[in-house]
């Protein structure tokens, strides 16, 4: 039985909301913003965003999300890693 995964656009909305709420200055790290924006238009890890696969977008987001911390960040990063197969 396949596990139901959330759409990437839903995950992106949660990232935006939580990162802004938990950062000291209320801002998301600039290096992660393009990947959150891209994920906002994607449904699944099998989609494409212009020339990149959704998996590439997710992996690039994860490499730029080191400053996003907390329980939500930990849970969402684990969810994205599972989706990306890492």
N, C-alpha and C. Protein backbone atom coordinates (compact mmCIF):
# COMPACT_ATOMS: atom_id res chain seq x y z
N UNK A 1 0.84 -1.18 0.00
CA UNK A 1 0.00 0.00 0.00
C UNK A 1 0.89 1.25 0.00
N UNK A 2 0.64 2.16 -0.91
CA UNK A 2 1.44 3.38 -1.03
C UNK A 2 1.07 4.37 0.07
N UNK A 3 2.08 5.07 0.54
CA UNK A 3 1.87 6.09 1.57
C UNK A 3 1.44 7.39 0.89
N UNK A 4 0.45 8.02 1.44
CA UNK A 4 -0.01 9.30 0.90
C UNK A 4 0.98 10.40 1.27
N UNK A 5 1.42 11.16 0.31
CA UNK A 5 2.32 12.27 0.59
C UNK A 5 1.60 13.58 0.29
N UNK A 6 1.98 14.60 1.02
CA UNK A 6 1.37 15.92 0.79
C UNK A 6 1.92 16.53 -0.49
N UNK A 7 1.13 17.37 -1.13
CA UNK A 7 1.65 18.07 -2.31
C UNK A 7 2.76 19.04 -1.91
N UNK A 8 3.72 19.23 -2.79
CA UNK A 8 4.84 20.13 -2.50
C UNK A 8 4.37 21.56 -2.27
N UNK A 9 3.33 22.00 -2.96
CA UNK A 9 2.85 23.36 -2.75
C UNK A 9 2.32 23.56 -1.34
N UNK A 10 1.74 22.51 -0.75
CA UNK A 10 1.25 22.58 0.62
C UNK A 10 2.43 22.63 1.61
N UNK A 11 3.45 21.86 1.34
CA UNK A 11 4.65 21.86 2.17
C UNK A 11 5.32 23.23 2.09
N UNK A 12 5.40 23.81 0.89
CA UNK A 12 6.02 25.13 0.72
C UNK A 12 5.29 26.19 1.54
N UNK A 13 3.96 26.12 1.58
CA UNK A 13 3.18 27.08 2.37
C UNK A 13 3.49 26.94 3.85
N UNK A 14 3.63 25.71 4.32
CA UNK A 14 3.97 25.48 5.72
C UNK A 14 5.37 26.00 6.04
N UNK A 15 6.32 25.77 5.12
CA UNK A 15 7.69 26.26 5.32
C UNK A 15 7.68 27.77 5.45
N UNK A 16 7.02 28.44 4.51
CA UNK A 16 6.97 29.91 4.53
C UNK A 16 6.41 30.44 5.85
N UNK A 17 5.29 29.87 6.26
CA UNK A 17 4.62 30.32 7.48
C UNK A 17 5.50 30.10 8.71
N UNK A 18 6.05 28.89 8.85
CA UNK A 18 6.83 28.57 10.04
C UNK A 18 8.17 29.30 10.07
N UNK A 19 8.85 29.36 8.94
CA UNK A 19 10.18 29.99 8.92
C UNK A 19 10.07 31.46 9.29
N UNK A 20 9.08 32.15 8.74
CA UNK A 20 8.89 33.56 9.08
C UNK A 20 8.55 33.73 10.56
N UNK A 21 7.73 32.82 11.09
CA UNK A 21 7.30 32.92 12.49
C UNK A 21 8.43 32.61 13.47
N UNK A 22 9.36 31.76 13.07
CA UNK A 22 10.40 31.32 14.01
C UNK A 22 11.75 32.00 13.81
N UNK A 23 11.93 32.74 12.72
CA UNK A 23 13.23 33.41 12.53
C UNK A 23 13.28 34.69 13.36
N UNK A 24 14.46 35.06 13.77
CA UNK A 24 14.64 36.24 14.62
C UNK A 24 14.21 37.52 13.92
N UNK A 25 14.44 37.60 12.62
CA UNK A 25 14.10 38.82 11.89
C UNK A 25 12.82 38.68 11.05
N UNK A 26 12.15 37.54 11.16
CA UNK A 26 10.91 37.32 10.41
C UNK A 26 11.11 37.06 8.94
N UNK A 27 12.36 36.74 8.56
CA UNK A 27 12.66 36.52 7.14
C UNK A 27 13.18 35.11 6.90
N UNK A 28 12.97 34.65 5.68
CA UNK A 28 13.47 33.36 5.22
C UNK A 28 14.85 33.60 4.60
N UNK A 29 15.77 32.69 4.82
CA UNK A 29 17.11 32.80 4.23
C UNK A 29 16.99 32.95 2.71
N UNK A 30 17.64 33.97 2.18
CA UNK A 30 17.50 34.32 0.76
C UNK A 30 17.84 33.17 -0.19
N UNK A 31 18.77 32.31 0.21
CA UNK A 31 19.17 31.19 -0.65
C UNK A 31 18.09 30.13 -0.80
N UNK A 32 17.16 30.08 0.15
CA UNK A 32 16.09 29.08 0.10
C UNK A 32 14.86 29.59 -0.64
N UNK A 33 14.71 30.90 -0.74
CA UNK A 33 13.49 31.49 -1.31
C UNK A 33 13.17 31.00 -2.72
N UNK A 34 14.12 30.95 -3.67
CA UNK A 34 13.76 30.49 -5.02
C UNK A 34 13.22 29.06 -5.05
N UNK A 35 13.72 28.24 -4.14
CA UNK A 35 13.29 26.84 -4.13
C UNK A 35 11.92 26.68 -3.46
N UNK A 36 11.64 27.51 -2.46
CA UNK A 36 10.30 27.52 -1.87
C UNK A 36 9.30 28.01 -2.92
N UNK A 37 9.68 29.06 -3.65
CA UNK A 37 8.81 29.58 -4.72
C UNK A 37 8.53 28.51 -5.77
N UNK A 38 9.56 27.78 -6.16
CA UNK A 38 9.38 26.71 -7.15
C UNK A 38 8.48 25.60 -6.60
N UNK A 39 8.73 25.20 -5.35
CA UNK A 39 7.90 24.15 -4.75
C UNK A 39 6.43 24.57 -4.66
N UNK A 40 6.19 25.88 -4.58
CA UNK A 40 4.82 26.39 -4.49
C UNK A 40 3.99 26.08 -5.73
N UNK A 41 4.66 25.79 -6.84
CA UNK A 41 3.93 25.47 -8.07
C UNK A 41 3.99 23.99 -8.43
N UNK A 42 4.52 23.18 -7.52
CA UNK A 42 4.66 21.74 -7.79
C UNK A 42 3.70 20.92 -6.94
N UNK A 43 3.27 19.83 -7.50
CA UNK A 43 2.38 18.93 -6.78
C UNK A 43 3.16 17.76 -6.18
N UNK A 44 3.92 17.05 -7.01
CA UNK A 44 4.61 15.86 -6.54
C UNK A 44 6.10 15.90 -6.87
N UNK A 45 6.83 15.00 -6.28
CA UNK A 45 8.28 14.88 -6.48
C UNK A 45 8.59 14.47 -7.93
N UNK A 46 7.59 14.03 -8.66
CA UNK A 46 7.76 13.61 -10.06
C UNK A 46 7.51 14.73 -11.06
N UNK A 47 7.11 15.90 -10.58
CA UNK A 47 6.83 17.03 -11.46
C UNK A 47 8.13 17.68 -11.94
N UNK A 48 7.98 18.64 -12.84
CA UNK A 48 9.12 19.42 -13.34
C UNK A 48 8.82 20.89 -13.16
N UNK A 49 9.87 21.66 -12.92
CA UNK A 49 9.78 23.12 -12.82
C UNK A 49 10.76 23.68 -13.83
N UNK A 50 10.25 24.18 -14.92
CA UNK A 50 11.04 24.64 -16.05
C UNK A 50 11.97 23.50 -16.49
N UNK A 51 13.28 23.63 -16.26
CA UNK A 51 14.21 22.58 -16.71
C UNK A 51 14.62 21.61 -15.59
N UNK A 52 14.16 21.86 -14.37
CA UNK A 52 14.58 21.06 -13.22
C UNK A 52 13.49 20.10 -12.77
N UNK A 53 13.92 18.97 -12.25
CA UNK A 53 12.97 18.04 -11.66
C UNK A 53 12.60 18.55 -10.26
N UNK A 54 11.45 18.15 -9.79
CA UNK A 54 11.03 18.52 -8.43
C UNK A 54 12.03 17.99 -7.41
N UNK A 55 12.61 16.83 -7.67
CA UNK A 55 13.60 16.27 -6.75
C UNK A 55 14.81 17.20 -6.64
N UNK A 56 15.27 17.75 -7.77
CA UNK A 56 16.40 18.68 -7.75
C UNK A 56 16.04 19.94 -6.94
N UNK A 57 14.83 20.42 -7.11
CA UNK A 57 14.36 21.61 -6.38
C UNK A 57 14.36 21.32 -4.88
N UNK A 58 13.82 20.17 -4.49
CA UNK A 58 13.75 19.79 -3.08
C UNK A 58 15.15 19.65 -2.50
N UNK A 59 16.05 19.02 -3.21
CA UNK A 59 17.42 18.84 -2.71
C UNK A 59 18.14 20.18 -2.57
N UNK A 60 17.91 21.08 -3.50
CA UNK A 60 18.52 22.42 -3.40
C UNK A 60 17.92 23.20 -2.23
N UNK A 61 16.62 23.04 -2.03
CA UNK A 61 16.01 23.69 -0.87
C UNK A 61 16.66 23.18 0.41
N UNK A 62 16.77 21.86 0.53
CA UNK A 62 17.34 21.28 1.75
C UNK A 62 18.77 21.76 1.98
N UNK A 63 19.53 21.94 0.92
CA UNK A 63 20.91 22.41 1.09
C UNK A 63 20.96 23.88 1.51
N UNK A 64 19.87 24.61 1.35
CA UNK A 64 19.81 26.03 1.73
C UNK A 64 18.94 26.27 2.96
N UNK A 65 18.51 25.21 3.61
CA UNK A 65 17.57 25.35 4.73
C UNK A 65 18.21 25.11 6.09
N UNK A 66 19.51 25.21 6.17
CA UNK A 66 20.21 24.95 7.42
C UNK A 66 19.85 25.89 8.56
N UNK A 67 19.46 27.12 8.24
CA UNK A 67 19.13 28.08 9.30
C UNK A 67 17.68 27.97 9.76
N UNK A 68 16.87 27.17 9.06
CA UNK A 68 15.49 26.94 9.50
C UNK A 68 15.52 25.83 10.54
N UNK A 69 15.11 26.16 11.76
CA UNK A 69 15.21 25.20 12.87
C UNK A 69 13.90 25.09 13.62
N UNK A 70 13.83 24.07 14.46
CA UNK A 70 12.65 23.86 15.28
C UNK A 70 11.99 22.54 14.94
N UNK A 71 10.94 22.23 15.68
CA UNK A 71 10.25 20.95 15.49
C UNK A 71 9.59 20.84 14.11
N UNK A 72 8.96 21.91 13.68
CA UNK A 72 8.32 21.89 12.35
C UNK A 72 9.37 21.70 11.27
N UNK A 73 10.48 22.43 11.38
CA UNK A 73 11.56 22.32 10.39
C UNK A 73 12.09 20.89 10.34
N UNK A 74 12.31 20.31 11.49
CA UNK A 74 12.84 18.94 11.56
C UNK A 74 11.87 17.95 10.89
N UNK A 75 10.59 18.10 11.20
CA UNK A 75 9.57 17.19 10.63
C UNK A 75 9.46 17.37 9.12
N UNK A 76 9.41 18.62 8.65
CA UNK A 76 9.24 18.88 7.22
C UNK A 76 10.47 18.46 6.43
N UNK A 77 11.65 18.74 6.95
CA UNK A 77 12.87 18.31 6.28
C UNK A 77 12.91 16.79 6.15
N UNK A 78 12.50 16.08 7.18
CA UNK A 78 12.47 14.62 7.13
C UNK A 78 11.45 14.15 6.07
N UNK A 79 10.33 14.82 6.00
CA UNK A 79 9.30 14.49 5.01
C UNK A 79 9.84 14.70 3.58
N UNK A 80 10.53 15.81 3.36
CA UNK A 80 11.10 16.08 2.04
C UNK A 80 12.21 15.09 1.68
N UNK A 81 13.03 14.75 2.66
CA UNK A 81 14.10 13.76 2.40
C UNK A 81 13.50 12.42 2.01
N UNK A 82 12.44 12.03 2.70
CA UNK A 82 11.78 10.76 2.37
C UNK A 82 11.20 10.81 0.95
N UNK A 83 10.56 11.93 0.61
CA UNK A 83 10.00 12.08 -0.74
C UNK A 83 11.09 11.99 -1.80
N UNK A 84 12.26 12.58 -1.50
CA UNK A 84 13.37 12.61 -2.45
C UNK A 84 14.18 11.32 -2.46
N UNK A 85 13.88 10.42 -1.55
CA UNK A 85 14.58 9.15 -1.50
C UNK A 85 15.95 9.21 -0.86
N UNK A 86 16.14 10.15 0.06
CA UNK A 86 17.44 10.24 0.77
C UNK A 86 17.24 10.12 2.26
